[in-house]
PDB file of all heavy atoms in Angstrom:
ATOM      1  N   VAL A   1      70.897  78.997 118.525  1.00  0.00           N
ATOM      2  CA  VAL A   1      69.551  78.475 118.274  1.00  0.00           C
ATOM      3  C   VAL A   1      68.858  79.482 117.373  1.00  0.00           C
ATOM      4  O   VAL A   1      68.713  80.658 117.736  1.00  0.00           O
ATOM      5  CB  VAL A   1      68.757  78.262 119.573  1.00  0.00           C
ATOM      6  CG1 VAL A   1      67.368  77.715 119.259  1.00  0.00           C
ATOM      7  CG2 VAL A   1      69.505  77.318 120.508  1.00  0.00           C
ATOM      8  N   VAL A   2      68.458  79.033 116.190  1.00  0.00           N
ATOM      9  CA  VAL A   2      68.027  79.938 115.127  1.00  0.00           C
ATOM     10  C   VAL A   2      66.683  79.470 114.574  1.00  0.00           C
ATOM     11  O   VAL A   2      66.447  78.269 114.417  1.00  0.00           O
ATOM     12  CB  VAL A   2      69.069  79.947 113.984  1.00  0.00           C
ATOM     13  CG1 VAL A   2      68.688  80.956 112.909  1.00  0.00           C
ATOM     14  CG2 VAL A   2      70.474  80.215 114.520  1.00  0.00           C
ATOM     15  N   HIS A   3      65.819  80.415 114.261  1.00  0.00           N
ATOM     16  CA  HIS A   3      64.554  80.043 113.621  1.00  0.00           C
ATOM     17  C   HIS A   3      64.830  79.581 112.187  1.00  0.00           C
ATOM     18  O   HIS A   3      65.718  80.104 111.505  1.00  0.00           O
ATOM     19  CB  HIS A   3      63.578  81.218 113.615  1.00  0.00           C
ATOM     20  CG  HIS A   3      62.177  80.802 113.288  1.00  0.00           C
ATOM     21  ND1 HIS A   3      61.692  80.784 111.988  1.00  0.00           N
ATOM     22  CD2 HIS A   3      61.168  80.348 114.079  1.00  0.00           C
ATOM     23  CE1 HIS A   3      60.442  80.353 111.997  1.00  0.00           C
ATOM     24  NE2 HIS A   3      60.093  80.083 113.256  1.00  0.00           N
ATOM     25  N   THR A   4      64.057  78.599 111.738  1.00  0.00           N
ATOM     26  CA  THR A   4      64.286  78.047 110.399  1.00  0.00           C
ATOM     27  C   THR A   4      64.150  79.100 109.300  1.00  0.00           C
ATOM     28  O   THR A   4      64.750  78.953 108.226  1.00  0.00           O
ATOM     29  CB  THR A   4      63.315  76.892 110.122  1.00  0.00           C
ATOM     30  OG1 THR A   4      61.967  77.330 110.371  1.00  0.00           O
ATOM     31  CG2 THR A   4      63.617  75.692 111.015  1.00  0.00           C
ATOM     32  N   SER A   5      63.407  80.147 109.556  1.00  0.00           N
ATOM     33  CA  SER A   5      63.249  81.192 108.538  1.00  0.00           C
ATOM     34  C   SER A   5      64.560  81.925 108.258  1.00  0.00           C
ATOM     35  O   SER A   5      64.703  82.576 107.224  1.00  0.00           O
ATOM     36  CB  SER A   5      62.173  82.193 108.973  1.00  0.00           C
ATOM     37  OG  SER A   5      62.530  82.827 110.192  1.00  0.00           O
ATOM     38  N   ASP A   6      65.535  81.803 109.162  1.00  0.00           N
ATOM     39  CA  ASP A   6      66.823  82.484 108.987  1.00  0.00           C
ATOM     40  C   ASP A   6      67.925  81.544 108.507  1.00  0.00           C
ATOM     41  O   ASP A   6      69.111  81.877 108.561  1.00  0.00           O
ATOM     42  CB  ASP A   6      67.261  83.118 110.315  1.00  0.00           C
ATOM     43  CG  ASP A   6      66.338  84.251 110.745  1.00  0.00           C
ATOM     44  OD1 ASP A   6      65.797  84.935 109.851  1.00  0.00           O
ATOM     45  OD2 ASP A   6      66.146  84.428 111.961  1.00  0.00           O
ATOM     46  N   VAL A   7      67.556  80.353 108.026  1.00  0.00           N
ATOM     47  CA  VAL A   7      68.564  79.340 107.732  1.00  0.00           C
ATOM     48  C   VAL A   7      69.539  79.777 106.643  1.00  0.00           C
ATOM     49  O   VAL A   7      70.733  79.457 106.699  1.00  0.00           O
ATOM     50  CB  VAL A   7      67.892  77.993 107.366  1.00  0.00           C
ATOM     51  CG1 VAL A   7      67.139  78.092 106.037  1.00  0.00           C
ATOM     52  CG2 VAL A   7      68.902  76.862 107.325  1.00  0.00           C
ATOM     53  N   LEU A   8      69.083  80.530 105.650  1.00  0.00           N
ATOM     54  CA  LEU A   8      69.964  80.880 104.537  1.00  0.00           C
ATOM     55  C   LEU A   8      71.099  81.804 104.951  1.00  0.00           C
ATOM     56  O   LEU A   8      72.139  81.852 104.279  1.00  0.00           O
ATOM     57  CB  LEU A   8      69.158  81.506 103.401  1.00  0.00           C
ATOM     58  CG  LEU A   8      68.200  80.562 102.665  1.00  0.00           C
ATOM     59  CD1 LEU A   8      67.544  81.276 101.492  1.00  0.00           C
ATOM     60  CD2 LEU A   8      68.929  79.303 102.192  1.00  0.00           C
ATOM     61  N   SER A   9      70.931  82.529 106.046  1.00  0.00           N
ATOM     62  CA  SER A   9      72.008  83.395 106.512  1.00  0.00           C
ATOM     63  C   SER A   9      73.190  82.584 107.053  1.00  0.00           C
ATOM     64  O   SER A   9      74.264  83.137 107.294  1.00  0.00           O
ATOM     65  CB  SER A   9      71.491  84.353 107.594  1.00  0.00           C
ATOM     66  OG  SER A   9      71.095  83.642 108.753  1.00  0.00           O
ATOM     67  N   TRP A  10      73.007  81.271 107.204  1.00  0.00           N
ATOM     68  CA  TRP A  10      74.063  80.389 107.699  1.00  0.00           C
ATOM     69  C   TRP A  10      74.681  79.560 106.584  1.00  0.00           C
ATOM     70  O   TRP A  10      75.468  78.639 106.835  1.00  0.00           O
ATOM     71  CB  TRP A  10      73.509  79.471 108.786  1.00  0.00           C
ATOM     72  CG  TRP A  10      73.233  80.208 110.064  1.00  0.00           C
ATOM     73  CD1 TRP A  10      72.187  81.049 110.318  1.00  0.00           C
ATOM     74  CD2 TRP A  10      74.035  80.200 111.238  1.00  0.00           C
ATOM     75  NE1 TRP A  10      72.279  81.568 111.589  1.00  0.00           N
ATOM     76  CE2 TRP A  10      73.410  81.053 112.179  1.00  0.00           C
ATOM     77  CE3 TRP A  10      75.210  79.547 111.599  1.00  0.00           C
ATOM     78  CZ2 TRP A  10      73.952  81.271 113.446  1.00  0.00           C
ATOM     79  CZ3 TRP A  10      75.737  79.749 112.861  1.00  0.00           C
ATOM     80  CH2 TRP A  10      75.109  80.604 113.777  1.00  0.00           C
ATOM     81  N   LYS A  11      74.380  79.873 105.350  1.00  0.00           N
ATOM     82  CA  LYS A  11      74.805  79.061 104.220  1.00  0.00           C
ATOM     83  C   LYS A  11      76.313  78.827 104.198  1.00  0.00           C
ATOM     84  O   LYS A  11      76.780  77.710 103.912  1.00  0.00           O
ATOM     85  CB  LYS A  11      74.347  79.710 102.909  1.00  0.00           C
ATOM     86  CG  LYS A  11      74.765  78.960 101.661  1.00  0.00           C
ATOM     87  CD  LYS A  11      74.202  79.607 100.405  1.00  0.00           C
ATOM     88  CE  LYS A  11      74.645  78.864  99.157  1.00  0.00           C
ATOM     89  NZ  LYS A  11      74.088  79.470  97.920  1.00  0.00           N
ATOM     90  N   ASP A  12      77.105  79.832 104.480  1.00  0.00           N
ATOM     91  CA  ASP A  12      78.560  79.712 104.384  1.00  0.00           C
ATOM     92  C   ASP A  12      79.224  79.379 105.720  1.00  0.00           C
ATOM     93  O   ASP A  12      80.458  79.368 105.813  1.00  0.00           O
ATOM     94  CB  ASP A  12      79.149  81.012 103.833  1.00  0.00           C
ATOM     95  CG  ASP A  12      78.645  81.305 102.422  1.00  0.00           C
ATOM     96  OD1 ASP A  12      78.491  80.350 101.652  1.00  0.00           O
ATOM     97  OD2 ASP A  12      78.393  82.488 102.118  1.00  0.00           O
ATOM     98  N   LYS A  13      78.409  79.075 106.730  1.00  0.00           N
ATOM     99  CA  LYS A  13      78.957  78.787 108.057  1.00  0.00           C
ATOM    100  C   LYS A  13      78.825  77.320 108.443  1.00  0.00           C
ATOM    101  O   LYS A  13      79.312  76.920 109.509  1.00  0.00           O
ATOM    102  CB  LYS A  13      78.245  79.654 109.104  1.00  0.00           C
ATOM    103  CG  LYS A  13      78.319  81.150 108.831  1.00  0.00           C
ATOM    104  CD  LYS A  13      77.460  81.928 109.815  1.00  0.00           C
ATOM    105  CE  LYS A  13      77.402  83.408 109.455  1.00  0.00           C
ATOM    106  NZ  LYS A  13      76.483  84.163 110.343  1.00  0.00           N
ATOM    107  N   ILE A  14      78.165  76.542 107.606  1.00  0.00           N
ATOM    108  CA  ILE A  14      77.879  75.144 107.936  1.00  0.00           C
ATOM    109  C   ILE A  14      78.414  74.236 106.838  1.00  0.00           C
ATOM    110  O   ILE A  14      78.131  74.438 105.659  1.00  0.00           O
ATOM    111  CB  ILE A  14      76.360  74.938 108.131  1.00  0.00           C
ATOM    112  CG1 ILE A  14      75.914  75.620 109.428  1.00  0.00           C
ATOM    113  CG2 ILE A  14      75.993  73.454 108.148  1.00  0.00           C
ATOM    114  CD1 ILE A  14      74.427  75.637 109.642  1.00  0.00           C
ATOM    115  N   ASP A  15      79.197  73.231 107.233  1.00  0.00           N
ATOM    116  CA  ASP A  15      79.732  72.271 106.270  1.00  0.00           C
ATOM    117  C   ASP A  15      78.699  71.211 105.902  1.00  0.00           C
ATOM    118  O   ASP A  15      78.586  70.826 104.735  1.00  0.00           O
ATOM    119  CB  ASP A  15      80.982  71.593 106.839  1.00  0.00           C
ATOM    120  CG  ASP A  15      82.119  72.584 107.048  1.00  0.00           C
ATOM    121  OD1 ASP A  15      82.382  73.371 106.123  1.00  0.00           O
ATOM    122  OD2 ASP A  15      82.729  72.567 108.130  1.00  0.00           O
ATOM    123  N   VAL A  16      77.975  70.721 106.892  1.00  0.00           N
ATOM    124  CA  VAL A  16      76.929  69.719 106.649  1.00  0.00           C
ATOM    125  C   VAL A  16      75.752  70.006 107.570  1.00  0.00           C
ATOM    126  O   VAL A  16      75.930  70.205 108.779  1.00  0.00           O
ATOM    127  CB  VAL A  16      77.430  68.278 106.905  1.00  0.00           C
ATOM    128  CG1 VAL A  16      76.326  67.264 106.579  1.00  0.00           C
ATOM    129  CG2 VAL A  16      78.685  67.971 106.088  1.00  0.00           C
ATOM    130  N   MET A  17      74.557  70.014 106.994  1.00  0.00           N
ATOM    131  CA  MET A  17      73.323  70.153 107.756  1.00  0.00           C
ATOM    132  C   MET A  17      72.723  68.764 107.954  1.00  0.00           C
ATOM    133  O   MET A  17      72.558  68.002 106.994  1.00  0.00           O
ATOM    134  CB  MET A  17      72.329  71.044 107.010  1.00  0.00           C
ATOM    135  CG  MET A  17      71.067  71.353 107.804  1.00  0.00           C
ATOM    136  SD  MET A  17      71.326  72.647 109.037  1.00  0.00           S
ATOM    137  CE  MET A  17      71.239  74.101 107.978  1.00  0.00           C
ATOM    138  N   ILE A  18      72.412  68.421 109.198  1.00  0.00           N
ATOM    139  CA  ILE A  18      71.774  67.141 109.498  1.00  0.00           C
ATOM    140  C   ILE A  18      70.295  67.399 109.750  1.00  0.00           C
ATOM    141  O   ILE A  18      69.923  68.113 110.687  1.00  0.00           O
ATOM    142  CB  ILE A  18      72.429  66.452 110.697  1.00  0.00           C
ATOM    143  CG1 ILE A  18      73.910  66.191 110.398  1.00  0.00           C
ATOM    144  CG2 ILE A  18      71.709  65.149 111.024  1.00  0.00           C
ATOM    145  CD1 ILE A  18      74.671  65.521 111.530  1.00  0.00           C
ATOM    146  N   LEU A  19      69.459  66.805 108.888  1.00  0.00           N
ATOM    147  CA  LEU A  19      68.021  67.045 108.939  1.00  0.00           C
ATOM    148  C   LEU A  19      67.348  66.047 109.868  1.00  0.00           C
ATOM    149  O   LEU A  19      67.533  64.835 109.725  1.00  0.00           O
ATOM    150  CB  LEU A  19      67.407  66.936 107.541  1.00  0.00           C
ATOM    151  CG  LEU A  19      67.489  68.183 106.636  1.00  0.00           C
ATOM    152  CD1 LEU A  19      68.912  68.677 106.496  1.00  0.00           C
ATOM    153  CD2 LEU A  19      66.886  67.888 105.277  1.00  0.00           C
ATOM    154  N   CYS A  20      66.559  66.557 110.795  1.00  0.00           N
ATOM    155  CA  CYS A  20      65.934  65.711 111.812  1.00  0.00           C
ATOM    156  C   CYS A  20      64.416  65.843 111.793  1.00  0.00           C
ATOM    157  O   CYS A  20      63.752  65.807 112.832  1.00  0.00           O
ATOM    158  CB  CYS A  20      66.491  66.053 113.188  1.00  0.00           C
ATOM    159  SG  CYS A  20      68.268  65.769 113.318  1.00  0.00           S
ATOM    160  N   GLY A  21      63.854  66.006 110.602  1.00  0.00           N
ATOM    161  CA  GLY A  21      62.407  66.040 110.453  1.00  0.00           C
ATOM    162  C   GLY A  21      61.840  64.649 110.229  1.00  0.00           C
ATOM    163  O   GLY A  21      62.575  63.670 110.071  1.00  0.00           O
ATOM    164  N   GLY A  22      60.514  64.573 110.198  1.00  0.00           N
ATOM    165  CA  GLY A  22      59.838  63.301 109.973  1.00  0.00           C
ATOM    166  C   GLY A  22      59.717  62.977 108.496  1.00  0.00           C
ATOM    167  O   GLY A  22      59.683  63.870 107.644  1.00  0.00           O
ATOM    168  N   SER A  23      59.633  61.680 108.199  1.00  0.00           N
ATOM    169  CA  SER A  23      59.566  61.243 106.807  1.00  0.00           C
ATOM    170  C   SER A  23      58.181  61.414 106.193  1.00  0.00           C
ATOM    171  O   SER A  23      58.052  61.487 104.965  1.00  0.00           O
ATOM    172  CB  SER A  23      59.984  59.766 106.702  1.00  0.00           C
ATOM    173  OG  SER A  23      61.324  59.606 107.084  1.00  0.00           O
ATOM    174  N   ALA A  24      57.149  61.455 107.020  1.00  0.00           N
ATOM    175  CA  ALA A  24      55.789  61.485 106.479  1.00  0.00           C
ATOM    176  C   ALA A  24      55.526  62.758 105.680  1.00  0.00           C
ATOM    177  O   ALA A  24      55.037  62.706 104.547  1.00  0.00           O
ATOM    178  CB  ALA A  24      54.780  61.344 107.610  1.00  0.00           C
ATOM    179  N   THR A  25      55.863  63.910 106.261  1.00  0.00           N
ATOM    180  CA  THR A  25      55.556  65.177 105.583  1.00  0.00           C
ATOM    181  C   THR A  25      56.724  66.152 105.539  1.00  0.00           C
ATOM    182  O   THR A  25      56.778  66.995 104.641  1.00  0.00           O
ATOM    183  CB  THR A  25      54.366  65.882 106.281  1.00  0.00           C
ATOM    184  OG1 THR A  25      54.684  66.087 107.669  1.00  0.00           O
ATOM    185  CG2 THR A  25      53.097  65.038 106.182  1.00  0.00           C
ATOM    186  N   ASP A  26      57.690  66.061 106.476  1.00  0.00           N
ATOM    187  CA  ASP A  26      58.777  67.037 106.548  1.00  0.00           C
ATOM    188  C   ASP A  26      59.823  66.840 105.457  1.00  0.00           C
ATOM    189  O   ASP A  26      60.073  67.728 104.631  1.00  0.00           O
ATOM    190  CB  ASP A  26      59.471  66.973 107.914  1.00  0.00           C
ATOM    191  CG  ASP A  26      58.614  67.517 109.038  1.00  0.00           C
ATOM    192  OD1 ASP A  26      57.715  68.318 108.748  1.00  0.00           O
ATOM    193  OD2 ASP A  26      58.850  67.137 110.192  1.00  0.00           O
ATOM    194  N   LEU A  27      60.472  65.687 105.469  1.00  0.00           N
ATOM    195  CA  LEU A  27      61.652  65.482 104.626  1.00  0.00           C
ATOM    196  C   LEU A  27      61.374  65.531 103.125  1.00  0.00           C
ATOM    197  O   LEU A  27      62.235  66.012 102.370  1.00  0.00           O
ATOM    198  CB  LEU A  27      62.351  64.173 105.006  1.00  0.00           C
ATOM    199  CG  LEU A  27      62.933  64.147 106.422  1.00  0.00           C
ATOM    200  CD1 LEU A  27      63.544  62.787 106.724  1.00  0.00           C
ATOM    201  CD2 LEU A  27      63.963  65.254 106.624  1.00  0.00           C
ATOM    202  N   PRO A  28      60.216  65.074 102.633  1.00  0.00           N
ATOM    203  CA  PRO A  28      59.987  65.193 101.191  1.00  0.00           C
ATOM    204  C   PRO A  28      60.066  66.635 100.692  1.00  0.00           C
ATOM    205  O   PRO A  28      60.405  66.875  99.528  1.00  0.00           O
ATOM    206  CB  PRO A  28      58.577  64.616 101.011  1.00  0.00           C
ATOM    207  CG  PRO A  28      58.436  63.639 102.121  1.00  0.00           C
ATOM    208  CD  PRO A  28      59.145  64.279 103.287  1.00  0.00           C
ATOM    209  N   GLU A  29      59.777  67.598 101.549  1.00  0.00           N
ATOM    210  CA  GLU A  29      59.875  69.011 101.174  1.00  0.00           C
ATOM    211  C   GLU A  29      61.193  69.626 101.642  1.00  0.00           C
ATOM    212  O   GLU A  29      61.853  70.359 100.906  1.00  0.00           O
ATOM    213  CB  GLU A  29      58.699  69.793 101.756  1.00  0.00           C
ATOM    214  CG  GLU A  29      57.345  69.375 101.192  1.00  0.00           C
ATOM    215  CD  GLU A  29      56.213  70.221 101.737  1.00  0.00           C
ATOM    216  OE1 GLU A  29      56.486  71.173 102.497  1.00  0.00           O
ATOM    217  OE2 GLU A  29      55.048  69.928 101.398  1.00  0.00           O
ATOM    218  N   MET A  30      61.580  69.318 102.886  1.00  0.00           N
ATOM    219  CA  MET A  30      62.779  69.923 103.478  1.00  0.00           C
ATOM    220  C   MET A  30      64.046  69.588 102.706  1.00  0.00           C
ATOM    221  O   MET A  30      64.877  70.461 102.419  1.00  0.00           O
ATOM    222  CB  MET A  30      62.977  69.402 104.912  1.00  0.00           C
ATOM    223  CG  MET A  30      62.194  70.072 105.985  1.00  0.00           C
ATOM    224  SD  MET A  30      62.643  69.278 107.569  1.00  0.00           S
ATOM    225  CE  MET A  30      61.408  70.034 108.636  1.00  0.00           C
ATOM    226  N   THR A  31      64.235  68.304 102.417  1.00  0.00           N
ATOM    227  CA  THR A  31      65.528  67.879 101.881  1.00  0.00           C
ATOM    228  C   THR A  31      65.823  68.493 100.514  1.00  0.00           C
ATOM    229  O   THR A  31      66.904  69.067 100.322  1.00  0.00           O
ATOM    230  CB  THR A  31      65.625  66.350 101.838  1.00  0.00           C
ATOM    231  OG1 THR A  31      65.281  65.813 103.124  1.00  0.00           O
ATOM    232  CG2 THR A  31      67.037  65.899 101.487  1.00  0.00           C
ATOM    233  N   PRO A  32      64.904  68.415  99.538  1.00  0.00           N
ATOM    234  CA  PRO A  32      65.214  69.075  98.260  1.00  0.00           C
ATOM    235  C   PRO A  32      65.425  70.577  98.411  1.00  0.00           C
ATOM    236  O   PRO A  32      66.307  71.153  97.757  1.00  0.00           O
ATOM    237  CB  PRO A  32      63.997  68.764  97.391  1.00  0.00           C
ATOM    238  CG  PRO A  32      63.345  67.583  98.016  1.00  0.00           C
ATOM    239  CD  PRO A  32      63.615  67.710  99.482  1.00  0.00           C
ATOM    240  N   ALA A  33      64.617  71.216  99.280  1.00  0.00           N
ATOM    241  CA  ALA A  33      64.740  72.663  99.448  1.00  0.00           C
ATOM    242  C   ALA A  33      66.085  73.037 100.060  1.00  0.00           C
ATOM    243  O   ALA A  33      66.765  73.968  99.596  1.00  0.00           O
ATOM    244  CB  ALA A  33      63.597  73.183 100.317  1.00  0.00           C
ATOM    245  N   LEU A  34      66.512  72.337 101.094  1.00  0.00           N
ATOM    246  CA  LEU A  34      67.773  72.668 101.754  1.00  0.00           C
ATOM    247  C   LEU A  34      68.982  72.243 100.924  1.00  0.00           C
ATOM    248  O   LEU A  34      70.063  72.841 101.030  1.00  0.00           O
ATOM    249  CB  LEU A  34      67.823  72.027 103.133  1.00  0.00           C
ATOM    250  CG  LEU A  34      66.889  72.677 104.168  1.00  0.00           C
ATOM    251  CD1 LEU A  34      66.782  71.823 105.417  1.00  0.00           C
ATOM    252  CD2 LEU A  34      67.374  74.080 104.527  1.00  0.00           C
ATOM    253  N   ALA A  35      68.809  71.230 100.072  1.00  0.00           N
ATOM    254  CA  ALA A  35      69.911  70.808  99.199  1.00  0.00           C
ATOM    255  C   ALA A  35      70.278  71.880  98.185  1.00  0.00           C
ATOM    256  O   ALA A  35      71.355  71.822  97.585  1.00  0.00           O
ATOM    257  CB  ALA A  35      69.537  69.516  98.479  1.00  0.00           C
ATOM    258  N   GLU A  36      69.427  72.856  97.997  1.00  0.00           N
ATOM    259  CA  GLU A  36      69.744  73.971  97.100  1.00  0.00           C
ATOM    260  C   GLU A  36      70.826  74.878  97.680  1.00  0.00           C
ATOM    261  O   GLU A  36      71.412  75.696  96.967  1.00  0.00           O
ATOM    262  CB  GLU A  36      68.481  74.780  96.806  1.00  0.00           C
ATOM    263  CG  GLU A  36      67.431  74.000  96.021  1.00  0.00           C
ATOM    264  CD  GLU A  36      66.159  74.804  95.798  1.00  0.00           C
ATOM    265  OE1 GLU A  36      66.108  75.973  96.235  1.00  0.00           O
ATOM    266  OE2 GLU A  36      65.211  74.261  95.189  1.00  0.00           O
ATOM    267  N   ASN A  37      71.096  74.734  98.996  1.00  0.00           N
ATOM    268  CA  ASN A  37      72.063  75.626  99.634  1.00  0.00           C
ATOM    269  C   ASN A  37      73.050  74.945 100.584  1.00  0.00           C
ATOM    270  O   ASN A  37      74.041  75.574 100.977  1.00  0.00           O
ATOM    271  CB  ASN A  37      71.318  76.715 100.417  1.00  0.00           C
ATOM    272  CG  ASN A  37      70.568  77.670  99.514  1.00  0.00           C
ATOM    273  OD1 ASN A  37      71.163  78.560  98.924  1.00  0.00           O
ATOM    274  ND2 ASN A  37      69.260  77.472  99.393  1.00  0.00           N
ATOM    275  N   PHE A  38      72.791  73.696 100.956  1.00  0.00           N
ATOM    276  CA  PHE A  38      73.631  73.038 101.961  1.00  0.00           C
ATOM    277  C   PHE A  38      73.985  71.612 101.542  1.00  0.00           C
ATOM    278  O   PHE A  38      73.161  70.916 100.941  1.00  0.00           O
ATOM    279  CB  PHE A  38      72.902  72.957 103.314  1.00  0.00           C
ATOM    280  CG  PHE A  38      72.594  74.283 103.943  1.00  0.00           C
ATOM    281  CD1 PHE A  38      71.363  74.905 103.732  1.00  0.00           C
ATOM    282  CD2 PHE A  38      73.525  74.917 104.754  1.00  0.00           C
ATOM    283  CE1 PHE A  38      71.067  76.124 104.322  1.00  0.00           C
ATOM    284  CE2 PHE A  38      73.235  76.139 105.352  1.00  0.00           C
ATOM    285  CZ  PHE A  38      72.014  76.750 105.131  1.00  0.00           C
TER     286      PHE A  38
END
């Protein structure tokens, strides 16, 4: 269980990240940002 601020340290340990945020405000920002690394 990891704080989101440490997500980049897991870049090479995860094959696919499944995003479980809301569509109203989370995913429009989360998905493009995380797609830069996962």
